[in-house]
């Protein structure tokens, strides 16, 4: 299978557990596609560092109080680029159908296509990769372990044009 059909979608949602390789995959296969990348994690980081006059962000500084603002900024950023006719890639966990619903609604409201790519990496690999991250990006092992039980693979019936579940990266993907 090639990724060309996904590059044709207006919105590509790359999802999976922390440490699954979402950002690596997105950069490797979509960085030169011309689409704009939107990441809620990066928005949290930029917002925190702006509001604290440059204090360094880390995942342990996540504050649920700010999450509605983060989601609002993510949506407005996505809407902005979609209205300009740009394609976007959303790099976010989105491991349940409920967590993907807003993206599908965004696509429908803007009359755009949306596809999902789920990076289905085993928990041992996710935990190992997570521990190898820079300290500010490390997610607690217990959080990742708890998230495993909530995984629901994306399905076209949710409203996606195309869905791809990747159990491992294959050099043959194009």
C-alpha atoms as a PDB file:
ATOM      1  CA  UNK A   1       0.000   0.000   0.000  1.00  0.00           C
ATOM      2  CA  UNK A   2       1.208   3.494  -0.735  1.00  0.00           C
ATOM      3  CA  UNK A   3       0.506   6.582   1.327  1.00  0.00           C
ATOM      4  CA  UNK A   4      -0.397   8.646  -1.735  1.00  0.00           C
ATOM      5  CA  UNK A   5      -4.142   8.269  -1.109  1.00  0.00           C
ATOM      6  CA  UNK A   6      -3.631   9.674   2.400  1.00  0.00           C
ATOM      7  CA  UNK A   7      -1.606  12.612   1.093  1.00  0.00           C
ATOM      8  CA  UNK A   8      -4.639  13.485  -1.035  1.00  0.00           C
ATOM      9  CA  UNK A   9      -6.896  13.827   2.016  1.00  0.00           C
ATOM     10  CA  UNK A  10      -7.496  17.333   3.313  1.00  0.00           C
ATOM     11  CA  UNK A  11      -6.904  16.136   6.885  1.00  0.00           C
ATOM     12  CA  UNK A  12      -4.728  13.220   7.940  1.00  0.00           C
ATOM     13  CA  UNK A  13      -4.993  12.164  11.572  1.00  0.00           C
ATOM     14  CA  UNK A  14      -1.915  10.256  12.744  1.00  0.00           C
ATOM     15  CA  UNK A  15      -2.760   8.591  16.040  1.00  0.00           C
ATOM     16  CA  UNK A  16      -1.455   6.056  18.547  1.00  0.00           C
ATOM     17  CA  UNK A  17      -0.066   5.685  22.039  1.00  0.00           C
ATOM     18  CA  UNK A  18       2.688   7.940  23.414  1.00  0.00           C
ATOM     19  CA  UNK A  19       5.983   6.540  22.151  1.00  0.00           C
ATOM     20  CA  UNK A  20       4.338   4.712  19.247  1.00  0.00           C
ATOM     21  CA  UNK A  21       6.211   6.784  16.674  1.00  0.00           C
ATOM     22  CA  UNK A  22       3.456   9.158  15.494  1.00  0.00           C
ATOM     23  CA  UNK A  23       5.661  12.221  15.142  1.00  0.00           C
ATOM     24  CA  UNK A  24       8.511  10.223  13.605  1.00  0.00           C
ATOM     25  CA  UNK A  25       6.114   8.665  11.092  1.00  0.00           C
ATOM     26  CA  UNK A  26       4.503  12.028  10.288  1.00  0.00           C
ATOM     27  CA  UNK A  27       7.846  13.676   9.663  1.00  0.00           C
ATOM     28  CA  UNK A  28       9.286  10.771   7.664  1.00  0.00           C
ATOM     29  CA  UNK A  29       6.306  10.330   5.354  1.00  0.00           C
ATOM     30  CA  UNK A  30       4.557  13.727   5.265  1.00  0.00           C
ATOM     31  CA  UNK A  31       7.143  16.477   5.899  1.00  0.00           C
ATOM     32  CA  UNK A  32       7.696  17.017   2.182  1.00  0.00           C
ATOM     33  CA  UNK A  33       4.054  16.591   1.188  1.00  0.00           C
ATOM     34  CA  UNK A  34       3.210  20.278   1.595  1.00  0.00           C
ATOM     35  CA  UNK A  35       0.693  19.744   4.389  1.00  0.00           C
ATOM     36  CA  UNK A  36       0.755  21.689   7.651  1.00  0.00           C
ATOM     37  CA  UNK A  37       1.309  19.780  10.905  1.00  0.00           C
ATOM     38  CA  UNK A  38      -0.885  20.555  13.918  1.00  0.00           C
ATOM     39  CA  UNK A  39       0.046  19.061  17.294  1.00  0.00           C
ATOM     40  CA  UNK A  40      -1.861  19.589  20.523  1.00  0.00           C
ATOM     41  CA  UNK A  41       1.250  18.646  22.515  1.00  0.00           C
ATOM     42  CA  UNK A  42       3.234  21.397  20.789  1.00  0.00           C
ATOM     43  CA  UNK A  43       0.437  23.897  21.413  1.00  0.00           C
ATOM     44  CA  UNK A  44       0.529  23.008  25.143  1.00  0.00           C
ATOM     45  CA  UNK A  45       4.287  23.529  25.147  1.00  0.00           C
ATOM     46  CA  UNK A  46       4.198  26.878  23.316  1.00  0.00           C
ATOM     47  CA  UNK A  47       1.304  28.160  25.416  1.00  0.00           C
ATOM     48  CA  UNK A  48       2.998  27.210  28.691  1.00  0.00           C
ATOM     49  CA  UNK A  49       6.336  28.737  27.696  1.00  0.00           C
ATOM     50  CA  UNK A  50       4.666  31.934  26.496  1.00  0.00           C
ATOM     51  CA  UNK A  51       2.590  32.366  29.649  1.00  0.00           C
ATOM     52  CA  UNK A  52       5.508  31.624  31.995  1.00  0.00           C
ATOM     53  CA  UNK A  53       7.956  33.998  30.283  1.00  0.00           C
ATOM     54  CA  UNK A  54       9.983  31.162  28.799  1.00  0.00           C
ATOM     55  CA  UNK A  55      10.014  28.586  31.583  1.00  0.00           C
ATOM     56  CA  UNK A  56      10.745  25.185  30.066  1.00  0.00           C
ATOM     57  CA  UNK A  57       7.730  22.941  29.403  1.00  0.00           C
ATOM     58  CA  UNK A  58       7.519  19.303  30.477  1.00  0.00           C
ATOM     59  CA  UNK A  59       4.598  16.868  30.409  1.00  0.00           C
ATOM     60  CA  UNK A  60       4.344  16.947  34.206  1.00  0.00           C
ATOM     61  CA  UNK A  61       3.332  20.622  33.914  1.00  0.00           C
ATOM     62  CA  UNK A  62       0.169  19.678  32.012  1.00  0.00           C
ATOM     63  CA  UNK A  63      -2.762  21.540  33.543  1.00  0.00           C
ATOM     64  CA  UNK A  64      -6.243  20.325  32.672  1.00  0.00           C
ATOM     65  CA  UNK A  65      -7.539  23.852  33.336  1.00  0.00           C
ATOM     66  CA  UNK A  66      -5.828  25.028  30.129  1.00  0.00           C
ATOM     67  CA  UNK A  67      -6.958  22.095  27.957  1.00  0.00           C
ATOM     68  CA  UNK A  68     -10.064  23.828  26.585  1.00  0.00           C
ATOM     69  CA  UNK A  69      -7.866  26.692  25.396  1.00  0.00           C
ATOM     70  CA  UNK A  70      -5.394  24.229  23.842  1.00  0.00           C
ATOM     71  CA  UNK A  71      -8.222  22.449  21.986  1.00  0.00           C
ATOM     72  CA  UNK A  72      -9.611  25.818  20.848  1.00  0.00           C
ATOM     73  CA  UNK A  73      -6.209  26.891  19.493  1.00  0.00           C
ATOM     74  CA  UNK A  74      -5.784  23.524  17.764  1.00  0.00           C
ATOM     75  CA  UNK A  75      -9.191  23.825  16.091  1.00  0.00           C
ATOM     76  CA  UNK A  76      -8.676  27.454  15.042  1.00  0.00           C
ATOM     77  CA  UNK A  77      -5.245  26.622  13.614  1.00  0.00           C
ATOM     78  CA  UNK A  78      -6.688  23.704  11.655  1.00  0.00           C
ATOM     79  CA  UNK A  79      -9.643  25.791  10.428  1.00  0.00           C
ATOM     80  CA  UNK A  80      -7.328  28.588   9.347  1.00  0.00           C
ATOM     81  CA  UNK A  81      -5.244  26.356   7.107  1.00  0.00           C
ATOM     82  CA  UNK A  82      -8.230  24.443   5.763  1.00  0.00           C
ATOM     83  CA  UNK A  83      -9.909  27.725   4.793  1.00  0.00           C
ATOM     84  CA  UNK A  84      -6.711  28.694   2.973  1.00  0.00           C
ATOM     85  CA  UNK A  85      -6.985  25.471   1.000  1.00  0.00           C
ATOM     86  CA  UNK A  86      -4.047  23.827   2.770  1.00  0.00           C
ATOM     87  CA  UNK A  87      -3.929  20.172   3.737  1.00  0.00           C
ATOM     88  CA  UNK A  88      -3.177  19.415   7.379  1.00  0.00           C
ATOM     89  CA  UNK A  89      -1.771  16.543   9.369  1.00  0.00           C
ATOM     90  CA  UNK A  90      -2.954  16.270  12.961  1.00  0.00           C
ATOM     91  CA  UNK A  91      -0.425  14.530  15.186  1.00  0.00           C
ATOM     92  CA  UNK A  92      -2.316  13.490  18.320  1.00  0.00           C
ATOM     93  CA  UNK A  93      -2.983  10.352  20.374  1.00  0.00           C
ATOM     94  CA  UNK A  94      -6.674  10.113  19.400  1.00  0.00           C
ATOM     95  CA  UNK A  95      -6.817   6.488  20.562  1.00  0.00           C
ATOM     96  CA  UNK A  96     -10.599   6.303  20.992  1.00  0.00           C
ATOM     97  CA  UNK A  97     -13.475   6.993  18.640  1.00  0.00           C
ATOM     98  CA  UNK A  98     -14.711   9.675  21.065  1.00  0.00           C
ATOM     99  CA  UNK A  99     -11.346  11.471  20.897  1.00  0.00           C
ATOM    100  CA  UNK A 100     -11.503  11.494  17.079  1.00  0.00           C
ATOM    101  CA  UNK A 101     -15.071  12.764  16.804  1.00  0.00           C
ATOM    102  CA  UNK A 102     -14.177  16.490  16.857  1.00  0.00           C
ATOM    103  CA  UNK A 103     -11.755  16.037  13.954  1.00  0.00           C
ATOM    104  CA  UNK A 104     -14.408  14.278  11.887  1.00  0.00           C
ATOM    105  CA  UNK A 105     -16.866  17.071  12.710  1.00  0.00           C
ATOM    106  CA  UNK A 106     -14.234  19.653  11.692  1.00  0.00           C
ATOM    107  CA  UNK A 107     -13.826  17.913   8.338  1.00  0.00           C
ATOM    108  CA  UNK A 108     -17.586  17.733   7.726  1.00  0.00           C
ATOM    109  CA  UNK A 109     -18.172  21.368   8.702  1.00  0.00           C
ATOM    110  CA  UNK A 110     -15.455  22.476   6.300  1.00  0.00           C
ATOM    111  CA  UNK A 111     -16.510  20.028   3.553  1.00  0.00           C
ATOM    112  CA  UNK A 112     -13.094  18.359   3.665  1.00  0.00           C
ATOM    113  CA  UNK A 113     -11.936  14.749   3.545  1.00  0.00           C
ATOM    114  CA  UNK A 114     -10.289  13.114   6.543  1.00  0.00           C
ATOM    115  CA  UNK A 115      -8.260   9.924   6.805  1.00  0.00           C
ATOM    116  CA  UNK A 116      -6.681   8.194   9.792  1.00  0.00           C
ATOM    117  CA  UNK A 117      -3.390   6.389  10.246  1.00  0.00           C
ATOM    118  CA  UNK A 118      -3.032   4.484  13.517  1.00  0.00           C
ATOM    119  CA  UNK A 119       0.513   3.597  14.589  1.00  0.00           C
ATOM    120  CA  UNK A 120      -0.110   0.337  16.436  1.00  0.00           C
ATOM    121  CA  UNK A 121       3.134  -0.133  18.351  1.00  0.00           C
ATOM    122  CA  UNK A 122       3.310  -2.706  21.164  1.00  0.00           C
ATOM    123  CA  UNK A 123       3.379  -1.322  24.700  1.00  0.00           C
ATOM    124  CA  UNK A 124       6.909  -2.559  25.458  1.00  0.00           C
ATOM    125  CA  UNK A 125       8.284  -0.577  22.524  1.00  0.00           C
ATOM    126  CA  UNK A 126       6.208   2.490  23.461  1.00  0.00           C
ATOM    127  CA  UNK A 127       7.550   2.380  27.030  1.00  0.00           C
ATOM    128  CA  UNK A 128      11.149   1.931  25.826  1.00  0.00           C
ATOM    129  CA  UNK A 129      10.909   4.812  23.340  1.00  0.00           C
ATOM    130  CA  UNK A 130       9.203   6.990  25.927  1.00  0.00           C
ATOM    131  CA  UNK A 131      12.085   6.483  28.390  1.00  0.00           C
ATOM    132  CA  UNK A 132      14.562   7.480  25.663  1.00  0.00           C
ATOM    133  CA  UNK A 133      12.850  10.832  25.049  1.00  0.00           C
ATOM    134  CA  UNK A 134      14.205  14.119  26.363  1.00  0.00           C
ATOM    135  CA  UNK A 135      13.117  14.496  30.024  1.00  0.00           C
ATOM    136  CA  UNK A 136      10.527  17.173  29.213  1.00  0.00           C
ATOM    137  CA  UNK A 137       8.747  14.796  26.799  1.00  0.00           C
ATOM    138  CA  UNK A 138       8.580  11.696  29.017  1.00  0.00           C
ATOM    139  CA  UNK A 139       5.084  10.462  29.868  1.00  0.00           C
ATOM    140  CA  UNK A 140       4.603   8.423  33.048  1.00  0.00           C
ATOM    141  CA  UNK A 141       4.706   4.665  32.373  1.00  0.00           C
ATOM    142  CA  UNK A 142       1.455   4.285  34.301  1.00  0.00           C
ATOM    143  CA  UNK A 143      -0.292   6.716  31.943  1.00  0.00           C
ATOM    144  CA  UNK A 144       0.774   4.733  28.883  1.00  0.00           C
ATOM    145  CA  UNK A 145      -0.171   1.437  30.575  1.00  0.00           C
ATOM    146  CA  UNK A 146      -3.638   2.795  31.410  1.00  0.00           C
ATOM    147  CA  UNK A 147      -4.144   4.120  27.882  1.00  0.00           C
ATOM    148  CA  UNK A 148      -3.586   0.692  26.314  1.00  0.00           C
ATOM    149  CA  UNK A 149      -6.923  -0.512  27.676  1.00  0.00           C
ATOM    150  CA  UNK A 150      -8.769   2.377  26.003  1.00  0.00           C
ATOM    151  CA  UNK A 151      -7.452   1.881  22.455  1.00  0.00           C
ATOM    152  CA  UNK A 152     -10.134   1.718  19.765  1.00  0.00           C
ATOM    153  CA  UNK A 153      -8.784   1.430  16.251  1.00  0.00           C
ATOM    154  CA  UNK A 154     -10.133   3.980  13.781  1.00  0.00           C
ATOM    155  CA  UNK A 155     -12.799   2.711  11.405  1.00  0.00           C
ATOM    156  CA  UNK A 156     -14.223   4.141   8.191  1.00  0.00           C
ATOM    157  CA  UNK A 157     -17.689   4.005   9.772  1.00  0.00           C
ATOM    158  CA  UNK A 158     -16.572   6.886  12.017  1.00  0.00           C
ATOM    159  CA  UNK A 159     -16.443   9.090   8.914  1.00  0.00           C
ATOM    160  CA  UNK A 160     -12.911   8.571   7.629  1.00  0.00           C
ATOM    161  CA  UNK A 161     -12.283   8.364   3.885  1.00  0.00           C
ATOM    162  CA  UNK A 162      -9.377   5.947   4.418  1.00  0.00           C
ATOM    163  CA  UNK A 163      -7.952   4.147   7.451  1.00  0.00           C
ATOM    164  CA  UNK A 164      -4.564   2.509   7.812  1.00  0.00           C
ATOM    165  CA  UNK A 165      -3.399   0.537  10.845  1.00  0.00           C
ATOM    166  CA  UNK A 166       0.385   0.170  10.859  1.00  0.00           C
ATOM    167  CA  UNK A 167       1.704  -2.598  13.086  1.00  0.00           C
ATOM    168  CA  UNK A 168       5.273  -1.848  12.095  1.00  0.00           C
ATOM    169  CA  UNK A 169       7.052   0.584   9.841  1.00  0.00           C
ATOM    170  CA  UNK A 170       7.825  -0.982   6.490  1.00  0.00           C
ATOM    171  CA  UNK A 171      10.491   0.408   4.250  1.00  0.00           C
ATOM    172  CA  UNK A 172       8.163  -0.174   1.290  1.00  0.00           C
ATOM    173  CA  UNK A 173       5.704   2.563   2.321  1.00  0.00           C
ATOM    174  CA  UNK A 174       5.733   5.475  -0.127  1.00  0.00           C
END
